[in-house]
Amino acid sequence: MELKEYQEKYQADIANYFLTDEMTYFTGTPQENVCISQDDPNHHSILAFSNQRLVTFFVLDEGPQKANFTDEKNALLLRSFSTDARHLRKGYGRAALRLLPDFVNKHFPETKQIVLAVNKKNSAAKKLYQSVGFIESGNERMGPKGPQYLLIFPL
C-alpha cells in the first residue's frame, strides 16, 4: 500500500470512489474534499492505493480549524477518513493508518500530533483508530451529527 497526495492525474480514481449513503452520514466524500483541497493549501487530500487501486481516502488538515480539536499548534487534523465500500473489511483502512505516522514525518516534519474527532455512535471507527495507536484525549466536542470523542496520535 502507498499513500499519495492528490494530483489531477488521480481525478478518475476519485470519481470512481464509492461510499454508501450510510457511510457518508459520518464522513465527507473524496469528491467534496478534493474540491476543497484545490482552493485551500492547508487541506491535503490523501489517497491510499493498493495494487494501483484507490481503496482508502482521508484529509490531513493543517488549517486553523485544528484549534477546535487540540491546543497543539504543530498538529494535523485527520478528516473524512473512509474506505471505498467495495473494499471494506479487507484491512485497507488499518494499513493506511499504519502508514500515516511515517507519511506525516516525511511530508509534515514539524508535526507533533495527529488529532481526529469520531462520532460517539461510530464505535467501529473508534475501535479502528485505537487499534493503530490513537488514544482518547479526554476531551469531547459537539459535532454536526452529535457528540464526538477526540483522539490523538502523538508523534
N, C-alpha and C. Protein backbone atom coordinates (compact mmCIF):
# COMPACT_ATOMS: atom_id res chain seq x y z
N MET A 1 0.85 -1.18 0.00
CA MET A 1 0.00 0.00 0.00
C MET A 1 0.89 1.23 0.00
N GLU A 2 0.37 2.27 -0.65
CA GLU A 2 1.13 3.52 -0.76
C GLU A 2 0.19 4.71 -0.57
N LEU A 3 0.65 5.70 0.20
CA LEU A 3 -0.10 6.94 0.40
C LEU A 3 0.44 8.00 -0.53
N LYS A 4 -0.47 8.72 -1.19
CA LYS A 4 -0.08 9.78 -2.12
C LYS A 4 -1.02 10.97 -1.94
N GLU A 5 -0.45 12.17 -2.04
CA GLU A 5 -1.30 13.35 -2.03
C GLU A 5 -1.98 13.48 -3.39
N TYR A 6 -3.22 13.94 -3.38
CA TYR A 6 -4.00 14.06 -4.61
C TYR A 6 -3.28 14.93 -5.65
N GLN A 7 -3.31 14.44 -6.87
CA GLN A 7 -2.88 15.20 -8.05
C GLN A 7 -3.97 15.01 -9.10
N GLU A 8 -4.01 15.90 -10.05
CA GLU A 8 -5.06 15.85 -11.07
C GLU A 8 -5.09 14.51 -11.83
N LYS A 9 -3.94 13.86 -11.94
CA LYS A 9 -3.91 12.58 -12.66
C LYS A 9 -4.73 11.50 -11.95
N TYR A 10 -5.14 11.75 -10.69
CA TYR A 10 -5.96 10.79 -9.95
C TYR A 10 -7.45 11.13 -10.01
N GLN A 11 -7.83 12.05 -10.86
CA GLN A 11 -9.22 12.51 -10.94
C GLN A 11 -10.19 11.35 -11.21
N ALA A 12 -9.84 10.45 -12.11
CA ALA A 12 -10.73 9.32 -12.42
C ALA A 12 -10.87 8.38 -11.22
N ASP A 13 -9.79 8.20 -10.47
CA ASP A 13 -9.85 7.35 -9.27
C ASP A 13 -10.83 7.95 -8.26
N ILE A 14 -10.75 9.26 -8.08
CA ILE A 14 -11.66 9.94 -7.15
C ILE A 14 -13.10 9.85 -7.64
N ALA A 15 -13.31 10.05 -8.93
CA ALA A 15 -14.67 10.00 -9.49
C ALA A 15 -15.30 8.62 -9.31
N ASN A 16 -14.48 7.56 -9.31
CA ASN A 16 -14.99 6.19 -9.20
C ASN A 16 -15.06 5.67 -7.77
N TYR A 17 -14.58 6.47 -6.81
CA TYR A 17 -14.59 6.05 -5.40
C TYR A 17 -16.03 5.99 -4.92
N PHE A 18 -16.39 4.92 -4.24
CA PHE A 18 -17.79 4.70 -3.88
C PHE A 18 -17.98 4.60 -2.37
N LEU A 19 -18.89 5.41 -1.85
CA LEU A 19 -19.33 5.33 -0.47
C LEU A 19 -20.84 5.17 -0.46
N THR A 20 -21.34 4.33 0.44
CA THR A 20 -22.79 4.19 0.58
C THR A 20 -23.35 5.42 1.29
N ASP A 21 -24.67 5.59 1.22
CA ASP A 21 -25.32 6.70 1.92
C ASP A 21 -25.06 6.61 3.42
N GLU A 22 -25.08 5.39 3.95
CA GLU A 22 -24.82 5.19 5.37
C GLU A 22 -23.41 5.67 5.74
N MET A 23 -22.44 5.41 4.88
CA MET A 23 -21.07 5.82 5.14
C MET A 23 -20.93 7.34 5.12
N THR A 24 -21.62 8.00 4.21
CA THR A 24 -21.49 9.46 4.11
C THR A 24 -22.20 10.19 5.24
N TYR A 25 -22.94 9.46 6.08
CA TYR A 25 -23.54 10.08 7.26
C TYR A 25 -22.44 10.60 8.19
N PHE A 26 -21.34 9.86 8.30
CA PHE A 26 -20.27 10.21 9.22
C PHE A 26 -19.07 10.88 8.58
N THR A 27 -18.95 10.88 7.27
CA THR A 27 -17.73 11.38 6.65
C THR A 27 -18.01 12.13 5.36
N GLY A 28 -17.10 13.03 5.02
CA GLY A 28 -17.19 13.73 3.75
C GLY A 28 -16.68 12.85 2.62
N THR A 29 -17.13 13.11 1.43
CA THR A 29 -16.70 12.30 0.29
C THR A 29 -15.36 12.80 -0.25
N PRO A 30 -14.62 11.91 -0.90
CA PRO A 30 -13.38 12.34 -1.55
C PRO A 30 -13.63 13.43 -2.59
N GLN A 31 -14.73 13.32 -3.32
CA GLN A 31 -15.03 14.30 -4.35
C GLN A 31 -15.18 15.70 -3.75
N GLU A 32 -15.91 15.81 -2.63
CA GLU A 32 -16.07 17.09 -1.94
C GLU A 32 -14.72 17.62 -1.45
N ASN A 33 -13.95 16.73 -0.87
CA ASN A 33 -12.68 17.14 -0.27
C ASN A 33 -11.64 17.55 -1.29
N VAL A 34 -11.60 16.89 -2.42
CA VAL A 34 -10.65 17.29 -3.47
C VAL A 34 -10.97 18.71 -3.94
N CYS A 35 -12.25 19.04 -4.05
CA CYS A 35 -12.63 20.41 -4.42
C CYS A 35 -12.13 21.41 -3.39
N ILE A 36 -12.27 21.08 -2.11
CA ILE A 36 -11.77 21.97 -1.06
C ILE A 36 -10.26 22.10 -1.15
N SER A 37 -9.57 20.99 -1.36
CA SER A 37 -8.11 20.99 -1.44
C SER A 37 -7.58 21.87 -2.57
N GLN A 38 -8.34 21.96 -3.65
CA GLN A 38 -7.89 22.76 -4.79
C GLN A 38 -7.90 24.26 -4.46
N ASP A 39 -8.73 24.67 -3.49
CA ASP A 39 -8.82 26.07 -3.10
C ASP A 39 -8.10 26.38 -1.78
N ASP A 40 -7.81 25.35 -0.99
CA ASP A 40 -7.22 25.56 0.34
C ASP A 40 -5.90 24.79 0.45
N PRO A 41 -4.78 25.48 0.47
CA PRO A 41 -3.47 24.81 0.52
C PRO A 41 -3.21 24.08 1.84
N ASN A 42 -4.04 24.28 2.85
CA ASN A 42 -3.88 23.58 4.13
C ASN A 42 -4.67 22.28 4.21
N HIS A 43 -5.49 22.03 3.21
CA HIS A 43 -6.41 20.88 3.17
C HIS A 43 -5.83 19.86 2.19
N HIS A 44 -5.16 18.83 2.71
CA HIS A 44 -4.43 17.88 1.87
C HIS A 44 -5.23 16.58 1.71
N SER A 45 -5.68 16.32 0.48
CA SER A 45 -6.39 15.08 0.19
C SER A 45 -5.36 13.98 -0.04
N ILE A 46 -5.47 12.91 0.77
CA ILE A 46 -4.50 11.82 0.73
C ILE A 46 -5.21 10.54 0.25
N LEU A 47 -4.58 9.88 -0.71
CA LEU A 47 -5.14 8.68 -1.31
C LEU A 47 -4.27 7.49 -0.95
N ALA A 48 -4.90 6.38 -0.60
CA ALA A 48 -4.18 5.14 -0.31
C ALA A 48 -4.47 4.14 -1.42
N PHE A 49 -3.41 3.75 -2.09
CA PHE A 49 -3.52 2.82 -3.21
C PHE A 49 -2.99 1.45 -2.82
N SER A 50 -3.68 0.42 -3.24
CA SER A 50 -3.20 -0.95 -3.12
C SER A 50 -3.26 -1.55 -4.52
N ASN A 51 -2.12 -1.98 -5.02
CA ASN A 51 -2.04 -2.52 -6.39
C ASN A 51 -2.64 -1.55 -7.40
N GLN A 52 -2.25 -0.30 -7.34
CA GLN A 52 -2.69 0.79 -8.23
C GLN A 52 -4.19 1.04 -8.18
N ARG A 53 -4.86 0.60 -7.11
CA ARG A 53 -6.30 0.80 -6.96
C ARG A 53 -6.54 1.66 -5.72
N LEU A 54 -7.29 2.75 -5.88
CA LEU A 54 -7.63 3.62 -4.75
C LEU A 54 -8.61 2.89 -3.84
N VAL A 55 -8.18 2.66 -2.59
CA VAL A 55 -9.03 1.91 -1.67
C VAL A 55 -9.42 2.70 -0.42
N THR A 56 -8.60 3.69 -0.05
CA THR A 56 -8.86 4.46 1.15
C THR A 56 -8.53 5.93 0.88
N PHE A 57 -9.25 6.81 1.55
CA PHE A 57 -9.09 8.25 1.35
C PHE A 57 -9.19 8.95 2.70
N PHE A 58 -8.43 10.03 2.86
CA PHE A 58 -8.58 10.89 4.03
C PHE A 58 -7.95 12.25 3.74
N VAL A 59 -8.19 13.17 4.65
CA VAL A 59 -7.65 14.53 4.56
C VAL A 59 -6.75 14.77 5.76
N LEU A 60 -5.62 15.42 5.50
CA LEU A 60 -4.78 15.97 6.57
C LEU A 60 -4.93 17.49 6.49
N ASP A 61 -5.49 18.06 7.53
CA ASP A 61 -5.81 19.49 7.55
C ASP A 61 -4.88 20.20 8.53
N GLU A 62 -4.07 21.13 8.00
CA GLU A 62 -3.18 21.90 8.86
C GLU A 62 -3.69 23.33 9.06
N GLY A 63 -4.95 23.55 8.71
CA GLY A 63 -5.54 24.88 8.81
C GLY A 63 -5.97 25.24 10.22
N PRO A 64 -6.56 26.42 10.37
CA PRO A 64 -6.91 26.95 11.70
C PRO A 64 -7.99 26.15 12.43
N GLN A 65 -8.78 25.34 11.73
CA GLN A 65 -9.84 24.58 12.41
C GLN A 65 -9.30 23.56 13.39
N LYS A 66 -8.02 23.17 13.22
CA LYS A 66 -7.45 22.18 14.15
C LYS A 66 -7.47 22.69 15.59
N ALA A 67 -7.50 24.01 15.76
CA ALA A 67 -7.56 24.59 17.11
C ALA A 67 -8.84 24.21 17.84
N ASN A 68 -9.87 23.79 17.12
CA ASN A 68 -11.11 23.32 17.74
C ASN A 68 -10.97 21.92 18.31
N PHE A 69 -9.85 21.25 18.03
CA PHE A 69 -9.66 19.86 18.41
C PHE A 69 -8.48 19.64 19.36
N THR A 70 -7.50 20.55 19.33
CA THR A 70 -6.30 20.39 20.14
C THR A 70 -5.65 21.75 20.40
N ASP A 71 -4.90 21.82 21.49
CA ASP A 71 -4.11 23.02 21.79
C ASP A 71 -2.73 22.96 21.13
N GLU A 72 -2.35 21.80 20.61
CA GLU A 72 -1.04 21.63 19.98
C GLU A 72 -1.01 22.40 18.65
N LYS A 73 -0.14 23.39 18.58
CA LYS A 73 -0.04 24.21 17.36
C LYS A 73 0.51 23.41 16.18
N ASN A 74 1.40 22.46 16.46
CA ASN A 74 2.00 21.63 15.41
C ASN A 74 1.26 20.31 15.29
N ALA A 75 -0.03 20.40 15.04
CA ALA A 75 -0.88 19.21 14.88
C ALA A 75 -1.45 19.19 13.47
N LEU A 76 -1.84 18.02 13.06
CA LEU A 76 -2.61 17.84 11.84
C LEU A 76 -3.94 17.23 12.23
N LEU A 77 -5.00 17.70 11.59
CA LEU A 77 -6.34 17.16 11.82
C LEU A 77 -6.64 16.13 10.74
N LEU A 78 -6.90 14.91 11.16
CA LEU A 78 -7.29 13.84 10.23
C LEU A 78 -8.80 13.92 10.05
N ARG A 79 -9.23 14.06 8.79
CA ARG A 79 -10.65 14.24 8.49
C ARG A 79 -11.08 13.31 7.36
N SER A 80 -12.37 13.08 7.30
CA SER A 80 -13.02 12.40 6.17
C SER A 80 -12.36 11.07 5.81
N PHE A 81 -11.99 10.30 6.82
CA PHE A 81 -11.37 9.00 6.59
C PHE A 81 -12.43 8.01 6.11
N SER A 82 -12.13 7.31 5.03
CA SER A 82 -13.08 6.31 4.52
C SER A 82 -12.33 5.26 3.71
N THR A 83 -12.99 4.13 3.55
CA THR A 83 -12.54 3.08 2.63
C THR A 83 -13.66 2.89 1.62
N ASP A 84 -13.28 2.79 0.36
CA ASP A 84 -14.25 2.54 -0.70
C ASP A 84 -15.13 1.35 -0.28
N ALA A 85 -16.43 1.49 -0.40
CA ALA A 85 -17.39 0.48 0.07
C ALA A 85 -17.14 -0.89 -0.55
N ARG A 86 -16.58 -0.92 -1.74
CA ARG A 86 -16.31 -2.21 -2.40
C ARG A 86 -15.09 -2.91 -1.83
N HIS A 87 -14.35 -2.22 -0.95
CA HIS A 87 -13.10 -2.78 -0.41
C HIS A 87 -13.10 -2.83 1.11
N LEU A 88 -14.27 -2.76 1.72
CA LEU A 88 -14.36 -2.80 3.19
C LEU A 88 -13.96 -4.18 3.72
N ARG A 89 -13.48 -4.17 4.96
CA ARG A 89 -13.16 -5.38 5.71
C ARG A 89 -12.07 -6.23 5.06
N LYS A 90 -11.16 -5.54 4.38
CA LYS A 90 -10.01 -6.21 3.79
C LYS A 90 -8.71 -5.71 4.41
N GLY A 91 -8.82 -4.86 5.42
CA GLY A 91 -7.65 -4.37 6.13
C GLY A 91 -7.01 -3.12 5.54
N TYR A 92 -7.62 -2.54 4.52
CA TYR A 92 -7.03 -1.37 3.86
C TYR A 92 -7.01 -0.13 4.76
N GLY A 93 -8.10 0.09 5.49
CA GLY A 93 -8.14 1.25 6.37
C GLY A 93 -7.06 1.17 7.44
N ARG A 94 -6.94 0.02 8.07
CA ARG A 94 -5.92 -0.17 9.11
C ARG A 94 -4.52 -0.02 8.50
N ALA A 95 -4.30 -0.58 7.33
CA ALA A 95 -2.99 -0.48 6.67
C ALA A 95 -2.65 0.97 6.36
N ALA A 96 -3.61 1.73 5.88
CA ALA A 96 -3.37 3.15 5.58
C ALA A 96 -3.02 3.92 6.86
N LEU A 97 -3.74 3.65 7.94
CA LEU A 97 -3.47 4.33 9.20
C LEU A 97 -2.10 3.95 9.76
N ARG A 98 -1.67 2.74 9.51
CA ARG A 98 -0.33 2.33 9.98
C ARG A 98 0.77 3.05 9.21
N LEU A 99 0.50 3.42 7.98
CA LEU A 99 1.48 4.17 7.18
C LEU A 99 1.50 5.66 7.53
N LEU A 100 0.46 6.11 8.18
CA LEU A 100 0.27 7.54 8.44
C LEU A 100 1.42 8.20 9.20
N PRO A 101 1.91 7.64 10.31
CA PRO A 101 2.99 8.35 11.03
C PRO A 101 4.24 8.60 10.17
N ASP A 102 4.68 7.62 9.41
CA ASP A 102 5.85 7.82 8.55
C ASP A 102 5.56 8.83 7.45
N PHE A 103 4.36 8.79 6.89
CA PHE A 103 3.97 9.75 5.85
C PHE A 103 4.00 11.17 6.41
N VAL A 104 3.43 11.35 7.59
CA VAL A 104 3.40 12.67 8.22
C VAL A 104 4.81 13.13 8.55
N ASN A 105 5.62 12.25 9.12
CA ASN A 105 7.00 12.64 9.45
C ASN A 105 7.78 13.06 8.21
N LYS A 106 7.53 12.43 7.10
CA LYS A 106 8.24 12.77 5.85
C LYS A 106 7.73 14.07 5.24
N HIS A 107 6.41 14.24 5.16
CA HIS A 107 5.83 15.37 4.44
C HIS A 107 5.47 16.57 5.32
N PHE A 108 5.33 16.34 6.61
CA PHE A 108 4.99 17.40 7.57
C PHE A 108 5.88 17.23 8.80
N PRO A 109 7.19 17.38 8.66
CA PRO A 109 8.13 17.02 9.72
C PRO A 109 7.98 17.80 11.03
N GLU A 110 7.36 18.95 11.00
CA GLU A 110 7.18 19.75 12.22
C GLU A 110 6.02 19.25 13.08
N THR A 111 5.24 18.32 12.58
CA THR A 111 4.02 17.86 13.26
C THR A 111 4.35 17.06 14.52
N LYS A 112 3.68 17.41 15.61
CA LYS A 112 3.88 16.75 16.90
C LYS A 112 2.76 15.76 17.23
N GLN A 113 1.59 15.94 16.60
CA GLN A 113 0.48 15.01 16.85
C GLN A 113 -0.53 15.08 15.71
N ILE A 114 -1.24 13.97 15.57
CA ILE A 114 -2.37 13.88 14.65
C ILE A 114 -3.61 13.79 15.54
N VAL A 115 -4.62 14.57 15.23
CA VAL A 115 -5.84 14.58 16.03
C VAL A 115 -7.02 14.31 15.12
N LEU A 116 -8.04 13.69 15.68
CA LEU A 116 -9.27 13.45 14.92
C LEU A 116 -10.45 13.45 15.87
N ALA A 117 -11.62 13.62 15.31
CA ALA A 117 -12.88 13.51 16.06
C ALA A 117 -13.66 12.36 15.45
N VAL A 118 -14.22 11.53 16.31
CA VAL A 118 -15.04 10.41 15.83
C VAL A 118 -16.36 10.45 16.59
N ASN A 119 -17.44 10.33 15.83
CA ASN A 119 -18.78 10.38 16.41
C ASN A 119 -18.95 9.25 17.42
N LYS A 120 -19.57 9.55 18.54
CA LYS A 120 -19.78 8.54 19.58
C LYS A 120 -20.61 7.35 19.07
N LYS A 121 -21.42 7.57 18.06
CA LYS A 121 -22.23 6.49 17.50
C LYS A 121 -21.42 5.59 16.56
N ASN A 122 -20.23 6.03 16.20
CA ASN A 122 -19.41 5.30 15.22
C ASN A 122 -18.35 4.48 15.95
N SER A 123 -18.80 3.50 16.71
CA SER A 123 -17.88 2.71 17.54
C SER A 123 -16.89 1.90 16.72
N ALA A 124 -17.28 1.47 15.52
CA ALA A 124 -16.35 0.71 14.68
C ALA A 124 -15.16 1.56 14.27
N ALA A 125 -15.41 2.82 13.95
CA ALA A 125 -14.31 3.72 13.56
C ALA A 125 -13.41 3.99 14.77
N LYS A 126 -14.00 4.22 15.91
CA LYS A 126 -13.20 4.47 17.12
C LYS A 126 -12.30 3.28 17.40
N LYS A 127 -12.84 2.10 17.31
CA LYS A 127 -12.07 0.88 17.57
C LYS A 127 -10.91 0.76 16.57
N LEU A 128 -11.17 1.07 15.31
CA LEU A 128 -10.12 1.03 14.29
C LEU A 128 -9.00 2.00 14.64
N TYR A 129 -9.35 3.25 14.94
CA TYR A 129 -8.33 4.25 15.27
C TYR A 129 -7.51 3.83 16.48
N GLN A 130 -8.17 3.31 17.49
CA GLN A 130 -7.45 2.90 18.69
C GLN A 130 -6.55 1.69 18.42
N SER A 131 -6.94 0.84 17.49
CA SER A 131 -6.13 -0.35 17.19
C SER A 131 -4.78 -0.01 16.57
N VAL A 132 -4.65 1.21 16.02
CA VAL A 132 -3.38 1.62 15.41
C VAL A 132 -2.63 2.65 16.26
N GLY A 133 -3.13 2.91 17.47
CA GLY A 133 -2.38 3.75 18.39
C GLY A 133 -2.97 5.10 18.73
N PHE A 134 -4.12 5.45 18.18
CA PHE A 134 -4.78 6.69 18.60
C PHE A 134 -5.31 6.48 20.02
N ILE A 135 -5.21 7.52 20.83
CA ILE A 135 -5.68 7.43 22.22
C ILE A 135 -6.69 8.56 22.48
N GLU A 136 -7.61 8.30 23.40
CA GLU A 136 -8.58 9.33 23.76
C GLU A 136 -7.85 10.48 24.45
N SER A 137 -8.17 11.68 24.04
CA SER A 137 -7.54 12.87 24.62
C SER A 137 -8.15 13.22 25.97
N GLY A 138 -9.33 12.66 26.25
CA GLY A 138 -10.06 13.03 27.45
C GLY A 138 -11.04 14.16 27.19
N ASN A 139 -11.01 14.69 25.97
CA ASN A 139 -11.91 15.78 25.59
C ASN A 139 -12.94 15.27 24.60
N GLU A 140 -14.06 15.94 24.59
CA GLU A 140 -15.13 15.65 23.64
C GLU A 140 -15.59 16.97 23.05
N ARG A 141 -16.32 16.89 21.96
CA ARG A 141 -16.89 18.10 21.35
C ARG A 141 -18.21 17.72 20.72
N MET A 142 -19.00 18.73 20.44
CA MET A 142 -20.26 18.51 19.72
C MET A 142 -19.97 18.70 18.24
N GLY A 143 -20.23 17.67 17.47
CA GLY A 143 -20.03 17.73 16.03
C GLY A 143 -21.34 17.93 15.31
N PRO A 144 -21.31 17.98 13.99
CA PRO A 144 -22.53 18.21 13.22
C PRO A 144 -23.56 17.09 13.34
N LYS A 145 -23.11 15.87 13.71
CA LYS A 145 -24.02 14.73 13.84
C LYS A 145 -24.10 14.22 15.28
N GLY A 146 -23.68 15.06 16.24
CA GLY A 146 -23.76 14.66 17.65
C GLY A 146 -22.40 14.68 18.32
N PRO A 147 -22.35 14.21 19.58
CA PRO A 147 -21.12 14.26 20.34
C PRO A 147 -20.02 13.40 19.72
N GLN A 148 -18.77 13.89 19.88
CA GLN A 148 -17.62 13.21 19.30
C GLN A 148 -16.53 13.05 20.35
N TYR A 149 -15.82 11.93 20.26
CA TYR A 149 -14.58 11.74 21.02
C TYR A 149 -13.45 12.39 20.25
N LEU A 150 -12.51 12.97 20.96
CA LEU A 150 -11.30 13.49 20.35
C LEU A 150 -10.17 12.51 20.63
N LEU A 151 -9.54 12.04 19.58
CA LEU A 151 -8.45 11.07 19.69
C LEU A 151 -7.17 11.72 19.16
N ILE A 152 -6.04 11.33 19.76
CA ILE A 152 -4.75 11.87 19.30
C ILE A 152 -3.77 10.73 19.06
N PHE A 153 -2.84 11.01 18.17
CA PHE A 153 -1.71 10.12 17.92
C PHE A 153 -0.46 10.98 18.08
N PRO A 154 0.25 10.83 19.22
CA PRO A 154 1.47 11.64 19.40
C PRO A 154 2.58 11.15 18.48
N LEU A 155 3.32 12.10 17.94
CA LEU A 155 4.46 11.74 17.07
C LEU A 155 5.77 12.08 17.76
